[in-house]
Amino acid sequence: MSKRFLDCYASDFEKMNKQELLDAIAGSEGRVLACETIGMAMPMLGDITNAEFVCAMGADILLLNLFDVEKPVINGLPNVPPMKTIAELKRLTGRPVGINLEPVQQSLSSDSSDQNLWQLTQGRKATLANAQKACQMGVDMILLTGNPGIGVDNAAITETLKVFRKEIGEQVILAAGKMHASGIISEAGEHIITENDIKEFVKAGADIILLPAPGTVGGITMEYAKSLISYAHRLGALTITAVGTSQEGADVHTIRQIALMCKMAGTDIHHLGDAGYLGMALPENIQAYSTAIRGVRHTYHRMAASTAR
């Protein structure tokens, strides 16, 4: 039997295959925390990556947003060849790493990067070539989702999953879902993800289903999230509840409320987004969220464990 994620060190993660990592997450019973960071943003600590910072505060899994596999940028990372970017980040943090890719059918945002941070670049699109390159770089998980205003719909996610499952499904964890509507008004609120979407995602090859955390999107209550999570579990998938609405920059009391609602809803992985200010969640909120879902013992254990172990 696989070790619980809670008990794993960097050397354990390094040896785990896809299924062992999924088993380790499931075995931790809702006590795994994923933190999203933006590598192209100015690091909060200047010469230390935001990814290292979130790990120091208790993050278990790193999720890189706006990561372009053709032009990888993680500010604060030592100078390494582009194809070594993920390997170097894993060496420094000792954590599994996932990236967001966006299966876009239309772009609703400005084409100018001067006007819109979220402008979609070629290396962020959910193409098979980009996914294969991510696997070669050492990514452990690919999340099919959408940034604000990009225009990712659930049908596009499903079609992409089918291709990825066939070509790279044995190599990397496939996660799918949306944290907000991503510009698709018909898929807002309770329509962001439904039981039918979950059924289609799992059928198409998703290992993990992502949905908004209760209290982060209008209409997503704890009861509604619980019903979707229970349904995903019955289909054999794990779940991520995501805080992707800038509330990762809210006050600590609010963060604790969201954390406990996600725990009561039964999620396997808790997610904090990248918008404390910009680039990562507020560090105090990462620690507060971690403590709320698993107490100080496991929080400090994750914060203190050396990457040399």
C-alpha atoms as a PDB file:
ATOM      1  CA  MET A   1       0.000   0.000   0.000  1.00  0.00           C
ATOM      2  CA  SER A   2       1.211   3.495  -0.850  1.00  0.00           C
ATOM      3  CA  LYS A   3       2.297   5.862   1.928  1.00  0.00           C
ATOM      4  CA  ARG A   4      -0.135   8.597   2.815  1.00  0.00           C
ATOM      5  CA  PHE A   5       0.729  11.866   1.137  1.00  0.00           C
ATOM      6  CA  LEU A   6       0.925  13.384   4.617  1.00  0.00           C
ATOM      7  CA  ASP A   7       3.854  11.130   5.487  1.00  0.00           C
ATOM      8  CA  CYS A   8       5.822  11.454   2.248  1.00  0.00           C
ATOM      9  CA  TYR A   9       9.151  13.179   1.763  1.00  0.00           C
ATOM     10  CA  ALA A  10      10.792  14.464  -1.405  1.00  0.00           C
ATOM     11  CA  SER A  11      12.461  11.095  -1.994  1.00  0.00           C
ATOM     12  CA  ASP A  12       9.061   9.375  -1.847  1.00  0.00           C
ATOM     13  CA  PHE A  13       7.508  11.702  -4.398  1.00  0.00           C
ATOM     14  CA  GLU A  14      10.497  11.253  -6.691  1.00  0.00           C
ATOM     15  CA  LYS A  15       9.871   7.495  -6.885  1.00  0.00           C
ATOM     16  CA  MET A  16       6.083   7.540  -7.184  1.00  0.00           C
ATOM     17  CA  ASN A  17       4.292   6.744 -10.405  1.00  0.00           C
ATOM     18  CA  LYS A  18       0.907   8.195 -11.293  1.00  0.00           C
ATOM     19  CA  GLN A  19      -1.194   5.584  -9.487  1.00  0.00           C
ATOM     20  CA  GLU A  20       0.950   5.647  -6.354  1.00  0.00           C
ATOM     21  CA  LEU A  21       0.568   9.413  -6.166  1.00  0.00           C
ATOM     22  CA  LEU A  22      -3.212   9.162  -6.545  1.00  0.00           C
ATOM     23  CA  ASP A  23      -3.330   6.467  -3.862  1.00  0.00           C
ATOM     24  CA  ALA A  24      -1.236   8.620  -1.521  1.00  0.00           C
ATOM     25  CA  ILE A  25      -3.642  11.533  -1.992  1.00  0.00           C
ATOM     26  CA  ALA A  26      -6.705   9.356  -1.395  1.00  0.00           C
ATOM     27  CA  GLY A  27      -5.079   7.870   1.702  1.00  0.00           C
ATOM     28  CA  SER A  28      -4.725  11.289   3.304  1.00  0.00           C
ATOM     29  CA  GLU A  29      -8.502  11.682   3.630  1.00  0.00           C
ATOM     30  CA  GLY A  30      -8.929  15.311   2.629  1.00  0.00           C
ATOM     31  CA  ARG A  31      -5.706  16.694   4.037  1.00  0.00           C
ATOM     32  CA  VAL A  32      -3.733  17.601   0.913  1.00  0.00           C
ATOM     33  CA  LEU A  33      -3.183  21.243  -0.049  1.00  0.00           C
ATOM     34  CA  ALA A  34      -2.329  22.425  -3.572  1.00  0.00           C
ATOM     35  CA  CYS A  35      -1.157  25.992  -4.147  1.00  0.00           C
ATOM     36  CA  GLU A  36      -1.208  27.776  -7.469  1.00  0.00           C
ATOM     37  CA  THR A  37       1.579  30.178  -8.416  1.00  0.00           C
ATOM     38  CA  ILE A  38       2.400  32.385 -11.392  1.00  0.00           C
ATOM     39  CA  GLY A  39       6.051  32.064 -12.337  1.00  0.00           C
ATOM     40  CA  MET A  40       6.095  35.137 -14.561  1.00  0.00           C
ATOM     41  CA  ALA A  41       4.930  37.373 -11.677  1.00  0.00           C
ATOM     42  CA  MET A  42       7.481  39.177  -9.551  1.00  0.00           C
ATOM     43  CA  PRO A  43       8.208  36.868  -6.590  1.00  0.00           C
ATOM     44  CA  MET A  44       6.974  38.182  -3.267  1.00  0.00           C
ATOM     45  CA  LEU A  45      10.425  37.565  -1.785  1.00  0.00           C
ATOM     46  CA  GLY A  46      12.384  38.898  -4.748  1.00  0.00           C
ATOM     47  CA  ASP A  47      15.005  36.225  -5.398  1.00  0.00           C
ATOM     48  CA  ILE A  48      13.017  33.247  -4.073  1.00  0.00           C
ATOM     49  CA  THR A  49      10.333  31.723  -6.303  1.00  0.00           C
ATOM     50  CA  ASN A  50       6.721  31.976  -5.222  1.00  0.00           C
ATOM     51  CA  ALA A  51       6.654  28.193  -5.553  1.00  0.00           C
ATOM     52  CA  GLU A  52       9.322  27.827  -2.870  1.00  0.00           C
ATOM     53  CA  PHE A  53       7.468  30.332  -0.692  1.00  0.00           C
ATOM     54  CA  VAL A  54       4.134  28.456  -0.794  1.00  0.00           C
ATOM     55  CA  CYS A  55       5.944  25.215   0.011  1.00  0.00           C
ATOM     56  CA  ALA A  56       7.571  26.865   3.025  1.00  0.00           C
ATOM     57  CA  MET A  57       4.078  27.766   4.257  1.00  0.00           C
ATOM     58  CA  GLY A  58       2.747  24.202   3.955  1.00  0.00           C
ATOM     59  CA  ALA A  59       1.738  23.518   0.344  1.00  0.00           C
ATOM     60  CA  ASP A  60       1.843  19.837  -0.669  1.00  0.00           C
ATOM     61  CA  ILE A  61       1.383  20.175  -4.424  1.00  0.00           C
ATOM     62  CA  LEU A  62       2.501  22.978  -6.737  1.00  0.00           C
ATOM     63  CA  LEU A  63       0.214  24.055  -9.558  1.00  0.00           C
ATOM     64  CA  LEU A  64       1.756  26.418 -12.093  1.00  0.00           C
ATOM     65  CA  ASN A  65      -0.614  28.869 -13.759  1.00  0.00           C
ATOM     66  CA  LEU A  66       0.231  30.757 -16.981  1.00  0.00           C
ATOM     67  CA  PHE A  67       3.108  28.316 -17.493  1.00  0.00           C
ATOM     68  CA  ASP A  68       4.114  28.314 -21.156  1.00  0.00           C
ATOM     69  CA  VAL A  69       5.815  25.031 -22.094  1.00  0.00           C
ATOM     70  CA  GLU A  70       7.401  26.696 -25.129  1.00  0.00           C
ATOM     71  CA  LYS A  71       8.766  29.644 -23.138  1.00  0.00           C
ATOM     72  CA  PRO A  72       8.883  28.543 -19.499  1.00  0.00           C
ATOM     73  CA  VAL A  73       9.415  31.371 -17.019  1.00  0.00           C
ATOM     74  CA  ILE A  74       9.640  31.030 -13.243  1.00  0.00           C
ATOM     75  CA  ASN A  75      11.113  34.217 -11.825  1.00  0.00           C
ATOM     76  CA  GLY A  76      13.515  33.604  -8.971  1.00  0.00           C
ATOM     77  CA  LEU A  77      14.554  30.179 -10.306  1.00  0.00           C
ATOM     78  CA  PRO A  78      18.280  29.590 -10.933  1.00  0.00           C
ATOM     79  CA  ASN A  79      19.243  29.809 -14.593  1.00  0.00           C
ATOM     80  CA  VAL A  80      18.650  26.384 -16.150  1.00  0.00           C
ATOM     81  CA  PRO A  81      17.869  25.190 -19.705  1.00  0.00           C
ATOM     82  CA  PRO A  82      14.140  25.559 -20.512  1.00  0.00           C
ATOM     83  CA  MET A  83      13.514  21.806 -20.544  1.00  0.00           C
ATOM     84  CA  LYS A  84      15.022  21.565 -17.034  1.00  0.00           C
ATOM     85  CA  THR A  85      12.686  24.167 -15.507  1.00  0.00           C
ATOM     86  CA  ILE A  86      10.280  21.702 -13.865  1.00  0.00           C
ATOM     87  CA  ALA A  87      13.088  19.396 -12.731  1.00  0.00           C
ATOM     88  CA  GLU A  88      14.862  22.312 -11.041  1.00  0.00           C
ATOM     89  CA  LEU A  89      11.669  23.436  -9.319  1.00  0.00           C
ATOM     90  CA  LYS A  90      11.081  19.909  -8.046  1.00  0.00           C
ATOM     91  CA  ARG A  91      14.697  19.729  -6.832  1.00  0.00           C
ATOM     92  CA  LEU A  92      14.298  22.947  -4.857  1.00  0.00           C
ATOM     93  CA  THR A  93      10.867  22.186  -3.387  1.00  0.00           C
ATOM     94  CA  GLY A  94      10.606  18.381  -3.213  1.00  0.00           C
ATOM     95  CA  ARG A  95       6.946  18.582  -4.268  1.00  0.00           C
ATOM     96  CA  PRO A  96       4.874  17.110  -7.111  1.00  0.00           C
ATOM     97  CA  VAL A  97       4.215  19.725  -9.790  1.00  0.00           C
ATOM     98  CA  GLY A  98       1.174  20.267 -11.988  1.00  0.00           C
ATOM     99  CA  ILE A  99       0.468  22.821 -14.698  1.00  0.00           C
ATOM    100  CA  ASN A 100      -2.694  24.359 -16.128  1.00  0.00           C
ATOM    101  CA  LEU A 101      -3.404  23.923 -19.836  1.00  0.00           C
ATOM    102  CA  GLU A 102      -6.408  25.588 -21.482  1.00  0.00           C
ATOM    103  CA  PRO A 103      -8.577  23.804 -24.082  1.00  0.00           C
ATOM    104  CA  VAL A 104      -9.840  26.914 -25.795  1.00  0.00           C
ATOM    105  CA  GLN A 105     -12.449  27.022 -28.537  1.00  0.00           C
ATOM    106  CA  GLN A 106     -12.629  30.800 -28.448  1.00  0.00           C
ATOM    107  CA  SER A 107     -10.760  33.666 -26.805  1.00  0.00           C
ATOM    108  CA  LEU A 108     -12.913  36.292 -25.150  1.00  0.00           C
ATOM    109  CA  SER A 109      -9.974  38.306 -23.853  1.00  0.00           C
ATOM    110  CA  SER A 110      -7.781  41.005 -25.334  1.00  0.00           C
ATOM    111  CA  ASP A 111      -5.021  39.878 -27.668  1.00  0.00           C
ATOM    112  CA  SER A 112      -2.624  42.350 -26.098  1.00  0.00           C
ATOM    113  CA  SER A 113      -0.479  41.200 -23.192  1.00  0.00           C
ATOM    114  CA  ASP A 114      -0.168  44.867 -22.208  1.00  0.00           C
ATOM    115  CA  GLN A 115      -3.919  44.977 -21.571  1.00  0.00           C
ATOM    116  CA  ASN A 116      -4.507  41.487 -20.226  1.00  0.00           C
ATOM    117  CA  LEU A 117      -2.245  39.298 -18.093  1.00  0.00           C
ATOM    118  CA  TRP A 118      -4.342  36.260 -19.038  1.00  0.00           C
ATOM    119  CA  GLN A 119      -3.749  36.606 -22.790  1.00  0.00           C
ATOM    120  CA  LEU A 120      -3.457  33.049 -24.059  1.00  0.00           C
ATOM    121  CA  THR A 121      -0.080  32.073 -25.501  1.00  0.00           C
ATOM    122  CA  GLN A 122       0.581  29.109 -27.763  1.00  0.00           C
ATOM    123  CA  GLY A 123       2.478  27.207 -25.073  1.00  0.00           C
ATOM    124  CA  ARG A 124      -0.467  27.354 -22.665  1.00  0.00           C
ATOM    125  CA  LYS A 125      -3.014  25.812 -25.004  1.00  0.00           C
ATOM    126  CA  ALA A 126      -4.147  22.262 -24.272  1.00  0.00           C
ATOM    127  CA  THR A 127      -2.670  20.737 -27.402  1.00  0.00           C
ATOM    128  CA  LEU A 128      -1.267  17.228 -27.437  1.00  0.00           C
ATOM    129  CA  ALA A 129       2.166  18.580 -28.354  1.00  0.00           C
ATOM    130  CA  ASN A 130       2.171  20.861 -25.301  1.00  0.00           C
ATOM    131  CA  ALA A 131       0.998  18.054 -23.028  1.00  0.00           C
ATOM    132  CA  GLN A 132       3.699  15.714 -24.330  1.00  0.00           C
ATOM    133  CA  LYS A 133       6.318  18.385 -23.783  1.00  0.00           C
ATOM    134  CA  ALA A 134       5.076  18.905 -20.229  1.00  0.00           C
ATOM    135  CA  CYS A 135       5.440  15.174 -19.585  1.00  0.00           C
ATOM    136  CA  GLN A 136       8.997  15.269 -20.933  1.00  0.00           C
ATOM    137  CA  MET A 137       9.742  18.139 -18.563  1.00  0.00           C
ATOM    138  CA  GLY A 138       8.609  16.024 -15.604  1.00  0.00           C
ATOM    139  CA  VAL A 139       5.158  17.391 -14.800  1.00  0.00           C
ATOM    140  CA  ASP A 140       3.134  15.104 -12.513  1.00  0.00           C
ATOM    141  CA  MET A 141      -0.325  16.514 -13.264  1.00  0.00           C
ATOM    142  CA  ILE A 142      -2.028  18.403 -16.076  1.00  0.00           C
ATOM    143  CA  LEU A 143      -5.142  20.360 -15.140  1.00  0.00           C
ATOM    144  CA  LEU A 144      -7.496  21.270 -17.970  1.00  0.00           C
ATOM    145  CA  THR A 145      -9.146  24.512 -16.895  1.00  0.00           C
ATOM    146  CA  GLY A 146      -9.590  28.131 -17.914  1.00  0.00           C
ATOM    147  CA  ASN A 147      -8.319  31.521 -16.760  1.00  0.00           C
ATOM    148  CA  PRO A 148     -10.620  34.572 -16.528  1.00  0.00           C
ATOM    149  CA  GLY A 149     -12.234  35.554 -19.816  1.00  0.00           C
ATOM    150  CA  ILE A 150     -10.441  32.941 -21.898  1.00  0.00           C
ATOM    151  CA  GLY A 151     -13.550  31.058 -22.969  1.00  0.00           C
ATOM    152  CA  VAL A 152     -12.964  27.455 -21.903  1.00  0.00           C
ATOM    153  CA  ASP A 153     -16.144  25.394 -21.997  1.00  0.00           C
ATOM    154  CA  ASN A 154     -16.796  21.928 -20.632  1.00  0.00           C
ATOM    155  CA  ALA A 155     -17.266  20.363 -24.062  1.00  0.00           C
ATOM    156  CA  ALA A 156     -13.742  21.439 -25.028  1.00  0.00           C
ATOM    157  CA  ILE A 157     -12.382  19.959 -21.795  1.00  0.00           C
ATOM    158  CA  THR A 158     -14.080  16.632 -22.528  1.00  0.00           C
ATOM    159  CA  GLU A 159     -12.738  16.398 -26.073  1.00  0.00           C
ATOM    160  CA  THR A 160      -9.220  17.236 -24.915  1.00  0.00           C
ATOM    161  CA  LEU A 161      -9.377  14.629 -22.155  1.00  0.00           C
ATOM    162  CA  LYS A 162     -10.162  11.923 -24.707  1.00  0.00           C
ATOM    163  CA  VAL A 163      -7.025  12.720 -26.679  1.00  0.00           C
ATOM    164  CA  PHE A 164      -4.803  13.057 -23.622  1.00  0.00           C
ATOM    165  CA  ARG A 165      -6.033   9.814 -22.051  1.00  0.00           C
ATOM    166  CA  LYS A 166      -5.160   7.886 -25.202  1.00  0.00           C
ATOM    167  CA  GLU A 167      -1.723   9.422 -25.690  1.00  0.00           C
ATOM    168  CA  ILE A 168      -0.371  10.283 -22.218  1.00  0.00           C
ATOM    169  CA  GLY A 169      -2.910   8.850 -19.792  1.00  0.00           C
ATOM    170  CA  GLU A 170      -0.476   6.368 -18.279  1.00  0.00           C
ATOM    171  CA  GLN A 171       2.215   8.974 -17.663  1.00  0.00           C
ATOM    172  CA  VAL A 172       0.518  11.884 -15.924  1.00  0.00           C
ATOM    173  CA  ILE A 173      -2.460  12.619 -13.676  1.00  0.00           C
ATOM    174  CA  LEU A 174      -5.279  14.211 -15.657  1.00  0.00           C
ATOM    175  CA  ALA A 175      -7.450  16.694 -13.783  1.00  0.00           C
ATOM    176  CA  ALA A 176     -10.322  18.692 -15.233  1.00  0.00           C
ATOM    177  CA  GLY A 177     -12.825  21.361 -14.269  1.00  0.00           C
ATOM    178  CA  LYS A 178     -13.281  25.076 -13.753  1.00  0.00           C
ATOM    179  CA  MET A 179     -12.908  27.410 -10.766  1.00  0.00           C
ATOM    180  CA  HIS A 180     -15.226  30.029 -12.308  1.00  0.00           C
ATOM    181  CA  ALA A 181     -17.090  30.505 -15.587  1.00  0.00           C
ATOM    182  CA  SER A 182     -13.947  31.489 -17.558  1.00  0.00           C
ATOM    183  CA  GLY A 183     -16.030  33.855 -19.647  1.00  0.00           C
ATOM    184  CA  ILE A 184     -18.753  31.349 -20.583  1.00  0.00           C
ATOM    185  CA  ILE A 185     -21.904  32.947 -19.142  1.00  0.00           C
ATOM    186  CA  SER A 186     -24.002  29.840 -19.830  1.00  0.00           C
ATOM    187  CA  GLU A 187     -21.605  27.919 -17.558  1.00  0.00           C
ATOM    188  CA  ALA A 188     -21.748  30.239 -14.564  1.00  0.00           C
ATOM    189  CA  GLY A 189     -22.852  29.551 -10.980  1.00  0.00           C
ATOM    190  CA  GLU A 190     -24.252  26.037 -10.557  1.00  0.00           C
ATOM    191  CA  HIS A 191     -23.688  25.436 -14.258  1.00  0.00           C
ATOM    192  CA  ILE A 192     -19.899  25.716 -13.951  1.00  0.00           C
ATOM    193  CA  ILE A 193     -19.903  21.973 -13.372  1.00  0.00           C
ATOM    194  CA  THR A 194     -22.783  19.524 -13.097  1.00  0.00           C
ATOM    195  CA  GLU A 195     -23.109  15.796 -12.499  1.00  0.00           C
ATOM    196  CA  ASN A 196     -23.363  15.294 -16.241  1.00  0.00           C
ATOM    197  CA  ASP A 197     -20.100  17.197 -16.768  1.00  0.00           C
ATOM    198  CA  ILE A 198     -18.419  15.026 -14.145  1.00  0.00           C
ATOM    199  CA  LYS A 199     -19.722  11.869 -15.825  1.00  0.00           C
ATOM    200  CA  GLU A 200     -18.385  13.046 -19.183  1.00  0.00           C
ATOM    201  CA  PHE A 201     -15.007  14.082 -17.727  1.00  0.00           C
ATOM    202  CA  VAL A 202     -14.484  10.747 -15.970  1.00  0.00           C
ATOM    203  CA  LYS A 203     -15.630   8.799 -19.021  1.00  0.00           C
ATOM    204  CA  ALA A 204     -13.149  10.810 -21.109  1.00  0.00           C
ATOM    205  CA  GLY A 205     -10.257  10.013 -18.768  1.00  0.00           C
ATOM    206  CA  ALA A 206     -10.134  12.443 -15.847  1.00  0.00           C
ATOM    207  CA  ASP A 207      -8.495  11.107 -12.677  1.00  0.00           C
ATOM    208  CA  ILE A 208      -9.419  14.191 -10.650  1.00  0.00           C
ATOM    209  CA  ILE A 209     -12.412  16.516 -10.926  1.00  0.00           C
ATOM    210  CA  LEU A 210     -11.983  20.196 -10.051  1.00  0.00           C
ATOM    211  CA  LEU A 211     -14.907  22.316  -8.859  1.00  0.00           C
ATOM    212  CA  PRO A 212     -15.257  25.688  -7.121  1.00  0.00           C
ATOM    213  CA  ALA A 213     -14.906  25.662  -3.366  1.00  0.00           C
ATOM    214  CA  PRO A 214     -18.139  26.402  -1.476  1.00  0.00           C
ATOM    215  CA  GLY A 215     -18.550  30.123  -0.911  1.00  0.00           C
ATOM    216  CA  THR A 216     -16.305  31.174  -3.799  1.00  0.00           C
ATOM    217  CA  VAL A 217     -18.851  31.290  -6.629  1.00  0.00           C
ATOM    218  CA  GLY A 218     -22.507  32.302  -6.422  1.00  0.00           C
ATOM    219  CA  GLY A 219     -24.693  29.232  -6.033  1.00  0.00           C
ATOM    220  CA  ILE A 220     -21.903  26.867  -4.964  1.00  0.00           C
ATOM    221  CA  THR A 221     -22.953  25.915  -1.457  1.00  0.00           C
ATOM    222  CA  MET A 222     -21.383  23.315   0.777  1.00  0.00           C
ATOM    223  CA  GLU A 223     -24.333  20.996   0.131  1.00  0.00           C
ATOM    224  CA  TYR A 224     -24.077  21.388  -3.641  1.00  0.00           C
ATOM    225  CA  ALA A 225     -20.328  20.773  -3.607  1.00  0.00           C
ATOM    226  CA  LYS A 226     -20.834  17.716  -1.391  1.00  0.00           C
ATOM    227  CA  SER A 227     -23.311  16.225  -3.868  1.00  0.00           C
ATOM    228  CA  LEU A 228     -20.874  16.684  -6.769  1.00  0.00           C
ATOM    229  CA  ILE A 229     -17.928  15.317  -4.796  1.00  0.00           C
ATOM    230  CA  SER A 230     -19.899  12.256  -3.690  1.00  0.00           C
ATOM    231  CA  TYR A 231     -20.898  11.639  -7.298  1.00  0.00           C
ATOM    232  CA  ALA A 232     -17.290  11.926  -8.516  1.00  0.00           C
ATOM    233  CA  HIS A 233     -16.170   9.506  -5.821  1.00  0.00           C
ATOM    234  CA  ARG A 234     -18.819   6.991  -6.862  1.00  0.00           C
ATOM    235  CA  LEU A 235     -17.369   7.129 -10.371  1.00  0.00           C
ATOM    236  CA  GLY A 236     -13.880   6.443  -9.019  1.00  0.00           C
ATOM    237  CA  ALA A 237     -12.420   9.947  -9.380  1.00  0.00           C
ATOM    238  CA  LEU A 238     -10.754  12.156  -6.780  1.00  0.00           C
ATOM    239  CA  THR A 239     -11.687  15.827  -6.376  1.00  0.00           C
ATOM    240  CA  ILE A 240     -10.129  19.265  -5.946  1.00  0.00           C
ATOM    241  CA  THR A 241     -12.092  22.151  -4.458  1.00  0.00           C
ATOM    242  CA  ALA A 242     -10.607  25.363  -5.829  1.00  0.00           C
ATOM    243  CA  VAL A 243     -10.396  28.886  -4.427  1.00  0.00           C
ATOM    244  CA  GLY A 244      -9.869  30.689  -7.713  1.00  0.00           C
ATOM    245  CA  THR A 245     -11.832  33.904  -7.188  1.00  0.00           C
ATOM    246  CA  SER A 246      -9.145  35.993  -5.432  1.00  0.00           C
ATOM    247  CA  GLN A 247     -10.486  34.961  -2.025  1.00  0.00           C
ATOM    248  CA  GLU A 248      -7.082  33.401  -1.420  1.00  0.00           C
ATOM    249  CA  GLY A 249      -6.362  37.030  -0.547  1.00  0.00           C
ATOM    250  CA  ALA A 250      -9.270  37.351   1.906  1.00  0.00           C
ATOM    251  CA  ASP A 251      -8.932  37.549   5.689  1.00  0.00           C
ATOM    252  CA  VAL A 252      -7.839  34.484   7.645  1.00  0.00           C
ATOM    253  CA  HIS A 253     -11.296  33.973   9.180  1.00  0.00           C
ATOM    254  CA  THR A 254     -12.865  33.667   5.717  1.00  0.00           C
ATOM    255  CA  ILE A 255     -10.153  31.241   4.594  1.00  0.00           C
ATOM    256  CA  ARG A 256     -10.820  29.004   7.594  1.00  0.00           C
ATOM    257  CA  GLN A 257     -14.556  28.994   6.830  1.00  0.00           C
ATOM    258  CA  ILE A 258     -13.927  27.947   3.233  1.00  0.00           C
ATOM    259  CA  ALA A 259     -11.450  25.294   4.365  1.00  0.00           C
ATOM    260  CA  LEU A 260     -13.929  23.679   6.753  1.00  0.00           C
ATOM    261  CA  MET A 261     -16.749  23.759   4.190  1.00  0.00           C
ATOM    262  CA  CYS A 262     -14.478  22.000   1.682  1.00  0.00           C
ATOM    263  CA  LYS A 263     -13.537  19.448   4.332  1.00  0.00           C
ATOM    264  CA  MET A 264     -17.181  18.808   5.187  1.00  0.00           C
ATOM    265  CA  ALA A 265     -18.001  18.492   1.489  1.00  0.00           C
ATOM    266  CA  GLY A 266     -15.492  15.632   1.331  1.00  0.00           C
ATOM    267  CA  THR A 267     -12.844  16.842  -1.099  1.00  0.00           C
ATOM    268  CA  ASP A 268      -9.508  15.052  -1.512  1.00  0.00           C
ATOM    269  CA  ILE A 269      -7.373  18.059  -2.468  1.00  0.00           C
ATOM    270  CA  HIS A 270      -7.802  21.645  -1.340  1.00  0.00           C
ATOM    271  CA  HIS A 271      -6.646  24.354  -3.753  1.00  0.00           C
ATOM    272  CA  LEU A 272      -5.617  27.944  -3.121  1.00  0.00           C
ATOM    273  CA  GLY A 273      -5.205  30.195  -6.150  1.00  0.00           C
ATOM    274  CA  ASP A 274      -2.522  32.645  -7.182  1.00  0.00           C
ATOM    275  CA  ALA A 275      -4.147  35.996  -6.402  1.00  0.00           C
ATOM    276  CA  GLY A 276      -3.255  37.030  -2.879  1.00  0.00           C
ATOM    277  CA  TYR A 277      -1.847  40.143  -4.462  1.00  0.00           C
ATOM    278  CA  LEU A 278      -0.569  38.554  -7.659  1.00  0.00           C
ATOM    279  CA  GLY A 279       1.421  35.359  -8.083  1.00  0.00           C
ATOM    280  CA  MET A 280       0.442  33.355  -4.993  1.00  0.00           C
ATOM    281  CA  ALA A 281      -2.019  33.205  -2.112  1.00  0.00           C
ATOM    282  CA  LEU A 282      -1.257  35.253   0.974  1.00  0.00           C
ATOM    283  CA  PRO A 283       1.295  33.237   2.970  1.00  0.00           C
ATOM    284  CA  GLU A 284      -0.640  33.549   6.220  1.00  0.00           C
ATOM    285  CA  ASN A 285      -3.709  32.137   4.468  1.00  0.00           C
ATOM    286  CA  ILE A 286      -1.802  29.096   3.228  1.00  0.00           C
ATOM    287  CA  GLN A 287      -0.722  28.252   6.766  1.00  0.00           C
ATOM    288  CA  ALA A 288      -4.174  29.009   8.196  1.00  0.00           C
ATOM    289  CA  TYR A 289      -5.883  26.813   5.589  1.00  0.00           C
ATOM    290  CA  SER A 290      -3.429  23.986   6.218  1.00  0.00           C
ATOM    291  CA  THR A 291      -3.945  24.184   9.968  1.00  0.00           C
ATOM    292  CA  ALA A 292      -7.727  24.182   9.572  1.00  0.00           C
ATOM    293  CA  ILE A 293      -7.801  20.959   7.553  1.00  0.00           C
ATOM    294  CA  ARG A 294      -5.073  18.990   9.349  1.00  0.00           C
ATOM    295  CA  GLY A 295      -3.827  20.772  12.483  1.00  0.00           C
ATOM    296  CA  VAL A 296      -0.406  22.098  13.417  1.00  0.00           C
ATOM    297  CA  ARG A 297       1.326  18.714  13.547  1.00  0.00           C
ATOM    298  CA  HIS A 298       0.967  17.921   9.847  1.00  0.00           C
ATOM    299  CA  THR A 299       1.270  21.574   8.857  1.00  0.00           C
ATOM    300  CA  TYR A 300       4.601  22.044  10.602  1.00  0.00           C
ATOM    301  CA  HIS A 301       5.790  18.632   9.421  1.00  0.00           C
ATOM    302  CA  ARG A 302       5.286  19.680   5.807  1.00  0.00           C
ATOM    303  CA  MET A 303       6.852  23.100   6.440  1.00  0.00           C
ATOM    304  CA  ALA A 304       9.879  21.716   8.254  1.00  0.00           C
ATOM    305  CA  ALA A 305      10.772  18.583   6.243  1.00  0.00           C
ATOM    306  CA  SER A 306      14.015  18.980   4.324  1.00  0.00           C
ATOM    307  CA  THR A 307      14.054  18.348   0.577  1.00  0.00           C
ATOM    308  CA  ALA A 308      17.150  16.201   1.222  1.00  0.00           C
ATOM    309  CA  ARG A 309      15.027  13.567   2.992  1.00  0.00           C
END
